[in-house]
Amino acid sequence: MLPALPALPALPGQRDAEAAADAAPPVPVQWLDRHRVAVLRAQWTAVQAGFVDDPREAARSADEVLGRALTLLTEQVEQARHRLRALPQGPAPTTEELRGALREYHKVLDRILIV
């Protein structure tokens, strides 16, 4: 593993630019891969198609599809959280390492909040 490079001194206005970037609205990123999204959408389409013939069954099936989606989403968030917990390495992480970890937590929280 390569040693970390020392931090460069901030350029005039750099901290303001970084703060503005941190405050910018997050770019939406899907939590689920395309295949899982396609499967859930197909299941939802089937639920909607079945509503005319059996509304009660369609409502029950809708609950199941939503439950599957929530389970998959929860798994993805937990995996991200597990990775984040490992970010500040060593017994005494530097302030810069902790700042980086905090930014990553912020990115994950923003992803959750834009859903």
C-alpha atoms as a PDB file:
ATOM      1  CA  MET A   1       0.000   0.000   0.000  1.00  0.00           C
ATOM      2  CA  LEU A   2       1.363   3.407  -0.945  1.00  0.00           C
ATOM      3  CA  PRO A   3       1.770   6.036   1.762  1.00  0.00           C
ATOM      4  CA  ALA A   4      -0.699   8.881   1.701  1.00  0.00           C
ATOM      5  CA  LEU A   5       0.484  12.068   0.051  1.00  0.00           C
ATOM      6  CA  PRO A   6       0.610  15.167   2.229  1.00  0.00           C
ATOM      7  CA  ALA A   7      -2.283  17.536   1.792  1.00  0.00           C
ATOM      8  CA  LEU A   8      -1.613  20.545  -0.408  1.00  0.00           C
ATOM      9  CA  PRO A   9      -2.307  23.999   0.986  1.00  0.00           C
ATOM     10  CA  ALA A  10      -5.685  25.362  -0.036  1.00  0.00           C
ATOM     11  CA  LEU A  11      -5.782  27.794  -2.926  1.00  0.00           C
ATOM     12  CA  PRO A  12      -7.636  31.094  -2.480  1.00  0.00           C
ATOM     13  CA  GLY A  13     -11.341  30.350  -2.708  1.00  0.00           C
ATOM     14  CA  GLN A  14     -10.801  26.576  -2.767  1.00  0.00           C
ATOM     15  CA  ARG A  15     -12.564  25.984   0.528  1.00  0.00           C
ATOM     16  CA  ASP A  16     -15.514  28.061  -0.686  1.00  0.00           C
ATOM     17  CA  ALA A  17     -15.674  25.983  -3.892  1.00  0.00           C
ATOM     18  CA  GLU A  18     -15.519  22.741  -1.910  1.00  0.00           C
ATOM     19  CA  ALA A  19     -18.268  23.969   0.406  1.00  0.00           C
ATOM     20  CA  ALA A  20     -20.407  24.909  -2.595  1.00  0.00           C
ATOM     21  CA  ALA A  21     -19.801  21.486  -4.146  1.00  0.00           C
ATOM     22  CA  ASP A  22     -20.795  19.817  -0.880  1.00  0.00           C
ATOM     23  CA  ALA A  23     -23.978  21.930  -0.796  1.00  0.00           C
ATOM     24  CA  ALA A  24     -24.904  21.201  -4.428  1.00  0.00           C
ATOM     25  CA  PRO A  25     -27.942  19.007  -4.978  1.00  0.00           C
ATOM     26  CA  PRO A  26     -26.970  15.354  -5.270  1.00  0.00           C
ATOM     27  CA  VAL A  27     -26.974  13.577  -8.589  1.00  0.00           C
ATOM     28  CA  PRO A  28     -29.523  10.753  -8.458  1.00  0.00           C
ATOM     29  CA  VAL A  29     -27.872   7.348  -8.380  1.00  0.00           C
ATOM     30  CA  GLN A  30     -29.903   4.170  -8.385  1.00  0.00           C
ATOM     31  CA  TRP A  31     -29.384   1.825  -5.461  1.00  0.00           C
ATOM     32  CA  LEU A  32     -30.464  -1.239  -7.394  1.00  0.00           C
ATOM     33  CA  ASP A  33     -28.852  -2.660 -10.506  1.00  0.00           C
ATOM     34  CA  ARG A  34     -30.749  -2.513 -13.790  1.00  0.00           C
ATOM     35  CA  HIS A  35     -31.697  -6.175 -13.718  1.00  0.00           C
ATOM     36  CA  ARG A  36     -33.361  -5.929 -10.304  1.00  0.00           C
ATOM     37  CA  VAL A  37     -35.133  -2.737 -11.328  1.00  0.00           C
ATOM     38  CA  ALA A  38     -36.398  -4.435 -14.499  1.00  0.00           C
ATOM     39  CA  VAL A  39     -37.677  -7.423 -12.512  1.00  0.00           C
ATOM     40  CA  LEU A  40     -39.484  -5.196 -10.008  1.00  0.00           C
ATOM     41  CA  ARG A  41     -41.006  -3.101 -12.814  1.00  0.00           C
ATOM     42  CA  ALA A  42     -42.207  -6.271 -14.575  1.00  0.00           C
ATOM     43  CA  GLN A  43     -43.743  -7.500 -11.338  1.00  0.00           C
ATOM     44  CA  TRP A  44     -45.443  -4.134 -10.861  1.00  0.00           C
ATOM     45  CA  THR A  45     -46.784  -4.236 -14.424  1.00  0.00           C
ATOM     46  CA  ALA A  46     -48.241  -7.674 -13.704  1.00  0.00           C
ATOM     47  CA  VAL A  47     -49.876  -6.328 -10.527  1.00  0.00           C
ATOM     48  CA  GLN A  48     -51.492  -3.490 -12.463  1.00  0.00           C
ATOM     49  CA  ALA A  49     -52.667  -5.820 -15.223  1.00  0.00           C
ATOM     50  CA  GLY A  50     -54.290  -8.116 -12.674  1.00  0.00           C
ATOM     51  CA  PHE A  51     -56.228  -5.347 -10.950  1.00  0.00           C
ATOM     52  CA  VAL A  52     -59.212  -5.497 -13.317  1.00  0.00           C
ATOM     53  CA  ASP A  53     -59.772  -9.205 -12.735  1.00  0.00           C
ATOM     54  CA  ASP A  54     -58.958  -9.339  -9.011  1.00  0.00           C
ATOM     55  CA  PRO A  55     -58.418  -6.013  -7.219  1.00  0.00           C
ATOM     56  CA  ARG A  56     -57.921  -7.667  -3.828  1.00  0.00           C
ATOM     57  CA  GLU A  57     -55.186  -9.965  -5.158  1.00  0.00           C
ATOM     58  CA  ALA A  58     -53.590  -7.026  -6.971  1.00  0.00           C
ATOM     59  CA  ALA A  59     -53.414  -5.062  -3.708  1.00  0.00           C
ATOM     60  CA  ARG A  60     -51.860  -8.063  -1.933  1.00  0.00           C
ATOM     61  CA  SER A  61     -49.359  -8.520  -4.746  1.00  0.00           C
ATOM     62  CA  ALA A  62     -48.531  -4.805  -4.702  1.00  0.00           C
ATOM     63  CA  ASP A  63     -47.611  -5.143  -1.049  1.00  0.00           C
ATOM     64  CA  GLU A  64     -45.315  -8.078  -1.876  1.00  0.00           C
ATOM     65  CA  VAL A  65     -43.553  -6.186  -4.677  1.00  0.00           C
ATOM     66  CA  LEU A  66     -43.053  -3.180  -2.410  1.00  0.00           C
ATOM     67  CA  GLY A  67     -41.717  -5.461   0.334  1.00  0.00           C
ATOM     68  CA  ARG A  68     -39.193  -7.014  -2.080  1.00  0.00           C
ATOM     69  CA  ALA A  69     -38.081  -3.576  -3.239  1.00  0.00           C
ATOM     70  CA  LEU A  70     -37.645  -2.374   0.346  1.00  0.00           C
ATOM     71  CA  THR A  71     -35.667  -5.478   1.266  1.00  0.00           C
ATOM     72  CA  LEU A  72     -33.321  -5.010  -1.698  1.00  0.00           C
ATOM     73  CA  LEU A  73     -32.928  -1.303  -0.955  1.00  0.00           C
ATOM     74  CA  THR A  74     -32.229  -1.966   2.722  1.00  0.00           C
ATOM     75  CA  GLU A  75     -29.555  -4.503   1.793  1.00  0.00           C
ATOM     76  CA  GLN A  76     -27.838  -1.970  -0.470  1.00  0.00           C
ATOM     77  CA  VAL A  77     -27.903   0.778   2.169  1.00  0.00           C
ATOM     78  CA  GLU A  78     -26.524  -1.617   4.789  1.00  0.00           C
ATOM     79  CA  GLN A  79     -23.692  -2.629   2.433  1.00  0.00           C
ATOM     80  CA  ALA A  80     -22.841   1.046   1.878  1.00  0.00           C
ATOM     81  CA  ARG A  81     -22.930   1.649   5.628  1.00  0.00           C
ATOM     82  CA  HIS A  82     -20.622  -1.314   6.244  1.00  0.00           C
ATOM     83  CA  ARG A  83     -18.105   0.071   3.718  1.00  0.00           C
ATOM     84  CA  LEU A  84     -18.293   3.513   5.338  1.00  0.00           C
ATOM     85  CA  ARG A  85     -17.551   2.154   8.791  1.00  0.00           C
ATOM     86  CA  ALA A  86     -14.245   0.848   7.453  1.00  0.00           C
ATOM     87  CA  LEU A  87     -13.148   4.198   5.975  1.00  0.00           C
ATOM     88  CA  PRO A  88     -11.250   5.839   8.839  1.00  0.00           C
ATOM     89  CA  GLN A  89      -8.473   3.255   9.090  1.00  0.00           C
ATOM     90  CA  GLY A  90      -6.101   2.732  11.988  1.00  0.00           C
ATOM     91  CA  PRO A  91      -6.339   3.434  15.676  1.00  0.00           C
ATOM     92  CA  ALA A  92      -6.009   7.213  15.216  1.00  0.00           C
ATOM     93  CA  PRO A  93      -7.339   8.409  11.845  1.00  0.00           C
ATOM     94  CA  THR A  94      -6.302  11.876  10.766  1.00  0.00           C
ATOM     95  CA  THR A  95      -8.722  14.749  10.571  1.00  0.00           C
ATOM     96  CA  GLU A  96      -8.445  14.615   6.782  1.00  0.00           C
ATOM     97  CA  GLU A  97      -9.360  10.896   6.754  1.00  0.00           C
ATOM     98  CA  LEU A  98     -12.345  11.629   8.986  1.00  0.00           C
ATOM     99  CA  ARG A  99     -13.358  14.544   6.740  1.00  0.00           C
ATOM    100  CA  GLY A 100     -13.271  12.171   3.757  1.00  0.00           C
ATOM    101  CA  ALA A 101     -15.361   9.642   5.646  1.00  0.00           C
ATOM    102  CA  LEU A 102     -17.867  12.332   6.587  1.00  0.00           C
ATOM    103  CA  ARG A 103     -18.182  13.339   2.918  1.00  0.00           C
ATOM    104  CA  GLU A 104     -18.883   9.727   1.969  1.00  0.00           C
ATOM    105  CA  TYR A 105     -21.552   9.455   4.688  1.00  0.00           C
ATOM    106  CA  HIS A 106     -23.061  12.666   3.322  1.00  0.00           C
ATOM    107  CA  LYS A 107     -23.180  11.204  -0.209  1.00  0.00           C
ATOM    108  CA  VAL A 108     -24.988   8.103   1.031  1.00  0.00           C
ATOM    109  CA  LEU A 109     -27.455  10.152   3.069  1.00  0.00           C
ATOM    110  CA  ASP A 110     -28.144  12.370   0.068  1.00  0.00           C
ATOM    111  CA  ARG A 111     -28.816   9.274  -2.039  1.00  0.00           C
ATOM    112  CA  ILE A 112     -31.311   8.085   0.563  1.00  0.00           C
ATOM    113  CA  LEU A 113     -33.031  11.446   0.793  1.00  0.00           C
ATOM    114  CA  ILE A 114     -33.554  11.859  -2.964  1.00  0.00           C
ATOM    115  CA  VAL A 115     -35.428   8.582  -3.322  1.00  0.00           C
END
